[in-house]
Amino acid sequence: MIQRKQSVFLLLAFIASVVCLCLRIGDIEPAGMGVGFKLYNLMLDKGASVDYSPCGLFGILLISSAMSLATIFLYRNRKLQSSLCL
């Protein structure tokens, strides 16, 4: 499965994107309200009444991690694997 350095880097990219799916994006405190909340990639912190949806970033990270994982198994066709990595 992992025959080239390229496949090892793809595996590391997959692990990094899965870790990014679970990390916090930031703290948001609306002006004048005084109550802040934490924005995660998968969800909002409990008690948040403001609609800041992280669905776009979640979708991009999900597609990126799926492509990295799928590209690892294309080790027999190096040209296709290289073009998908780009």
N, C-alpha and C. Protein backbone atom coordinates (compact mmCIF):
# COMPACT_ATOMS: atom_id res chain seq x y z
N MET A 1 0.82 -1.19 0.00
CA MET A 1 0.00 0.00 0.00
C MET A 1 0.87 1.25 0.00
N ILE A 2 1.75 1.37 0.96
CA ILE A 2 2.59 2.56 1.04
C ILE A 2 3.95 2.19 0.46
N GLN A 3 4.12 2.45 -0.83
CA GLN A 3 5.34 2.06 -1.51
C GLN A 3 6.24 3.23 -1.85
N ARG A 4 5.69 4.43 -1.86
CA ARG A 4 6.48 5.60 -2.22
C ARG A 4 6.41 6.63 -1.12
N LYS A 5 7.36 7.57 -1.17
CA LYS A 5 7.33 8.68 -0.22
C LYS A 5 6.06 9.50 -0.41
N GLN A 6 5.59 9.56 -1.63
CA GLN A 6 4.39 10.31 -1.95
C GLN A 6 3.19 9.75 -1.18
N SER A 7 3.10 8.44 -1.04
CA SER A 7 2.00 7.82 -0.30
C SER A 7 2.09 8.12 1.19
N VAL A 8 3.30 8.21 1.71
CA VAL A 8 3.48 8.55 3.12
C VAL A 8 3.01 9.98 3.37
N PHE A 9 3.36 10.90 2.46
CA PHE A 9 2.92 12.28 2.61
C PHE A 9 1.41 12.40 2.46
N LEU A 10 0.82 11.58 1.60
CA LEU A 10 -0.64 11.59 1.47
C LEU A 10 -1.30 11.09 2.76
N LEU A 11 -0.70 10.09 3.38
CA LEU A 11 -1.23 9.60 4.65
C LEU A 11 -1.12 10.66 5.74
N LEU A 12 -0.01 11.39 5.76
CA LEU A 12 0.14 12.49 6.72
C LEU A 12 -0.86 13.61 6.44
N ALA A 13 -1.13 13.89 5.17
CA ALA A 13 -2.11 14.91 4.82
C ALA A 13 -3.51 14.49 5.25
N PHE A 14 -3.82 13.21 5.11
CA PHE A 14 -5.12 12.69 5.55
C PHE A 14 -5.27 12.83 7.06
N ILE A 15 -4.24 12.47 7.80
CA ILE A 15 -4.29 12.57 9.26
C ILE A 15 -4.43 14.02 9.69
N ALA A 16 -3.70 14.92 9.04
CA ALA A 16 -3.78 16.34 9.39
C ALA A 16 -5.16 16.93 9.09
N SER A 17 -5.77 16.53 7.99
CA SER A 17 -7.10 17.07 7.67
C SER A 17 -8.17 16.51 8.60
N VAL A 18 -8.02 15.28 9.05
CA VAL A 18 -8.97 14.73 10.03
C VAL A 18 -8.81 15.43 11.38
N VAL A 19 -7.58 15.74 11.76
CA VAL A 19 -7.35 16.49 13.00
C VAL A 19 -7.95 17.89 12.88
N CYS A 20 -7.82 18.52 11.71
CA CYS A 20 -8.38 19.86 11.51
C CYS A 20 -9.90 19.85 11.58
N LEU A 21 -10.52 18.73 11.25
CA LEU A 21 -11.98 18.64 11.35
C LEU A 21 -12.45 18.75 12.80
N CYS A 22 -11.62 18.38 13.75
CA CYS A 22 -12.02 18.35 15.15
C CYS A 22 -11.55 19.56 15.95
N LEU A 23 -10.69 20.39 15.39
CA LEU A 23 -10.15 21.52 16.14
C LEU A 23 -11.09 22.72 16.14
N ARG A 24 -10.87 23.59 17.09
CA ARG A 24 -11.66 24.81 17.20
C ARG A 24 -11.17 25.83 16.17
N ILE A 25 -12.11 26.52 15.53
CA ILE A 25 -11.76 27.54 14.55
C ILE A 25 -11.47 28.86 15.24
N GLY A 26 -12.31 29.24 16.18
CA GLY A 26 -12.07 30.50 16.87
C GLY A 26 -13.14 30.82 17.88
N ASP A 27 -12.92 31.92 18.60
CA ASP A 27 -13.89 32.45 19.56
C ASP A 27 -14.55 33.67 18.94
N ILE A 28 -15.85 33.72 19.03
CA ILE A 28 -16.59 34.85 18.46
C ILE A 28 -17.35 35.53 19.59
N GLU A 29 -17.17 36.84 19.68
CA GLU A 29 -17.91 37.63 20.66
C GLU A 29 -18.58 38.78 19.93
N PRO A 30 -19.89 38.69 19.70
CA PRO A 30 -20.59 39.77 19.01
C PRO A 30 -20.49 41.08 19.77
N ALA A 31 -20.37 42.19 19.05
CA ALA A 31 -20.20 43.50 19.67
C ALA A 31 -21.42 43.88 20.49
N GLY A 32 -21.17 44.29 21.72
CA GLY A 32 -22.23 44.76 22.60
C GLY A 32 -23.01 43.69 23.32
N MET A 33 -22.80 42.42 23.00
CA MET A 33 -23.57 41.37 23.66
C MET A 33 -22.85 40.82 24.88
N GLY A 34 -21.55 40.81 24.85
CA GLY A 34 -20.79 40.35 26.00
C GLY A 34 -20.73 38.85 26.19
N VAL A 35 -21.49 38.10 25.44
CA VAL A 35 -21.49 36.64 25.57
C VAL A 35 -20.83 36.06 24.33
N GLY A 36 -19.68 35.45 24.52
CA GLY A 36 -18.97 34.86 23.40
C GLY A 36 -19.26 33.38 23.29
N PHE A 37 -18.90 32.80 22.17
CA PHE A 37 -19.02 31.36 22.00
C PHE A 37 -17.88 30.87 21.15
N LYS A 38 -17.68 29.59 21.20
CA LYS A 38 -16.58 28.96 20.46
C LYS A 38 -17.14 28.33 19.20
N LEU A 39 -16.43 28.53 18.10
CA LEU A 39 -16.83 27.99 16.81
C LEU A 39 -15.92 26.82 16.47
N TYR A 40 -16.49 25.64 16.40
CA TYR A 40 -15.75 24.46 15.99
C TYR A 40 -16.08 24.16 14.54
N ASN A 41 -15.30 23.31 13.92
CA ASN A 41 -15.54 22.97 12.52
C ASN A 41 -16.78 22.11 12.37
N LEU A 42 -17.09 21.29 13.34
CA LEU A 42 -18.23 20.40 13.24
C LEU A 42 -19.48 20.96 13.88
N MET A 43 -19.37 21.95 14.76
CA MET A 43 -20.53 22.41 15.51
C MET A 43 -20.25 23.78 16.11
N LEU A 44 -21.28 24.38 16.65
CA LEU A 44 -21.15 25.59 17.45
C LEU A 44 -21.20 25.20 18.92
N ASP A 45 -20.62 26.03 19.75
CA ASP A 45 -20.67 25.82 21.18
C ASP A 45 -22.12 25.95 21.67
N LYS A 46 -22.46 25.22 22.71
CA LYS A 46 -23.82 25.30 23.24
C LYS A 46 -24.10 26.72 23.74
N GLY A 47 -25.32 27.18 23.53
CA GLY A 47 -25.69 28.51 23.96
C GLY A 47 -25.45 29.58 22.91
N ALA A 48 -25.02 29.20 21.74
CA ALA A 48 -24.79 30.19 20.68
C ALA A 48 -26.07 30.42 19.91
N SER A 49 -26.52 31.66 19.90
CA SER A 49 -27.75 31.97 19.18
C SER A 49 -27.48 32.63 17.83
N VAL A 50 -26.23 32.90 17.53
CA VAL A 50 -25.86 33.52 16.26
C VAL A 50 -25.56 32.42 15.25
N ASP A 51 -25.97 32.62 14.02
CA ASP A 51 -25.80 31.58 13.00
C ASP A 51 -24.52 31.81 12.21
N TYR A 52 -23.42 31.25 12.69
CA TYR A 52 -22.17 31.21 11.94
C TYR A 52 -21.95 29.76 11.56
N SER A 53 -22.27 29.40 10.37
CA SER A 53 -22.21 28.01 9.96
C SER A 53 -20.85 27.69 9.34
N PRO A 54 -20.15 26.73 9.88
CA PRO A 54 -18.85 26.34 9.31
C PRO A 54 -18.97 25.24 8.26
N CYS A 55 -20.12 25.12 7.60
CA CYS A 55 -20.34 24.01 6.67
C CYS A 55 -19.41 24.07 5.46
N GLY A 56 -19.06 25.26 4.99
CA GLY A 56 -18.19 25.37 3.82
C GLY A 56 -16.80 24.81 4.09
N LEU A 57 -16.23 25.20 5.22
CA LEU A 57 -14.91 24.69 5.58
C LEU A 57 -14.95 23.19 5.85
N PHE A 58 -16.02 22.74 6.50
CA PHE A 58 -16.19 21.31 6.76
C PHE A 58 -16.23 20.52 5.46
N GLY A 59 -16.96 21.03 4.46
CA GLY A 59 -17.05 20.34 3.17
C GLY A 59 -15.71 20.27 2.46
N ILE A 60 -14.97 21.37 2.48
CA ILE A 60 -13.67 21.39 1.82
C ILE A 60 -12.70 20.40 2.49
N LEU A 61 -12.69 20.38 3.82
CA LEU A 61 -11.81 19.46 4.54
C LEU A 61 -12.23 18.01 4.33
N LEU A 62 -13.52 17.76 4.26
CA LEU A 62 -14.00 16.41 4.04
C LEU A 62 -13.61 15.90 2.65
N ILE A 63 -13.77 16.74 1.64
CA ILE A 63 -13.38 16.36 0.27
C ILE A 63 -11.87 16.16 0.19
N SER A 64 -11.12 17.04 0.83
CA SER A 64 -9.66 16.93 0.81
C SER A 64 -9.18 15.64 1.47
N SER A 65 -9.76 15.31 2.61
CA SER A 65 -9.33 14.09 3.29
C SER A 65 -9.75 12.84 2.52
N ALA A 66 -10.92 12.87 1.90
CA ALA A 66 -11.36 11.72 1.10
C ALA A 66 -10.47 11.53 -0.12
N MET A 67 -10.09 12.64 -0.77
CA MET A 67 -9.20 12.52 -1.93
C MET A 67 -7.82 12.02 -1.54
N SER A 68 -7.31 12.47 -0.39
CA SER A 68 -6.00 12.00 0.06
C SER A 68 -6.02 10.50 0.34
N LEU A 69 -7.08 10.05 0.99
CA LEU A 69 -7.18 8.63 1.30
C LEU A 69 -7.35 7.79 0.04
N ALA A 70 -8.16 8.26 -0.89
CA ALA A 70 -8.38 7.52 -2.13
C ALA A 70 -7.13 7.50 -3.00
N THR A 71 -6.37 8.57 -2.99
CA THR A 71 -5.17 8.66 -3.82
C THR A 71 -4.06 7.74 -3.32
N ILE A 72 -4.06 7.42 -2.04
CA ILE A 72 -3.05 6.50 -1.51
C ILE A 72 -3.15 5.15 -2.20
N PHE A 73 -4.37 4.71 -2.49
CA PHE A 73 -4.56 3.38 -3.07
C PHE A 73 -4.36 3.35 -4.59
N LEU A 74 -3.97 4.46 -5.18
CA LEU A 74 -3.66 4.50 -6.61
C LEU A 74 -2.17 4.37 -6.87
N TYR A 75 -1.47 3.62 -6.03
CA TYR A 75 -0.02 3.53 -6.15
C TYR A 75 0.42 2.80 -7.42
N ARG A 76 -0.46 2.03 -8.04
CA ARG A 76 -0.07 1.32 -9.26
C ARG A 76 -0.04 2.25 -10.47
N ASN A 77 -0.84 3.32 -10.42
CA ASN A 77 -0.89 4.27 -11.53
C ASN A 77 -0.30 5.59 -11.04
N ARG A 78 1.02 5.73 -11.20
CA ARG A 78 1.72 6.87 -10.62
C ARG A 78 1.32 8.19 -11.26
N LYS A 79 1.08 8.19 -12.58
CA LYS A 79 0.71 9.44 -13.26
C LYS A 79 -0.62 9.97 -12.72
N LEU A 80 -1.60 9.07 -12.55
CA LEU A 80 -2.89 9.51 -12.02
C LEU A 80 -2.77 9.97 -10.57
N GLN A 81 -1.96 9.26 -9.80
CA GLN A 81 -1.74 9.65 -8.41
C GLN A 81 -1.10 11.02 -8.32
N SER A 82 -0.12 11.30 -9.17
CA SER A 82 0.54 12.60 -9.17
C SER A 82 -0.41 13.72 -9.58
N SER A 83 -1.23 13.45 -10.59
CA SER A 83 -2.15 14.50 -11.04
C SER A 83 -3.24 14.77 -10.00
N LEU A 84 -3.68 13.76 -9.28
CA LEU A 84 -4.67 13.97 -8.22
C LEU A 84 -4.06 14.69 -7.02
N CYS A 85 -2.77 14.51 -6.80
CA CYS A 85 -2.10 15.21 -5.70
C CYS A 85 -2.01 16.70 -5.98
N LEU A 86 -1.86 17.04 -7.25
CA LEU A 86 -1.80 18.46 -7.59
C LEU A 86 -3.13 19.10 -7.35
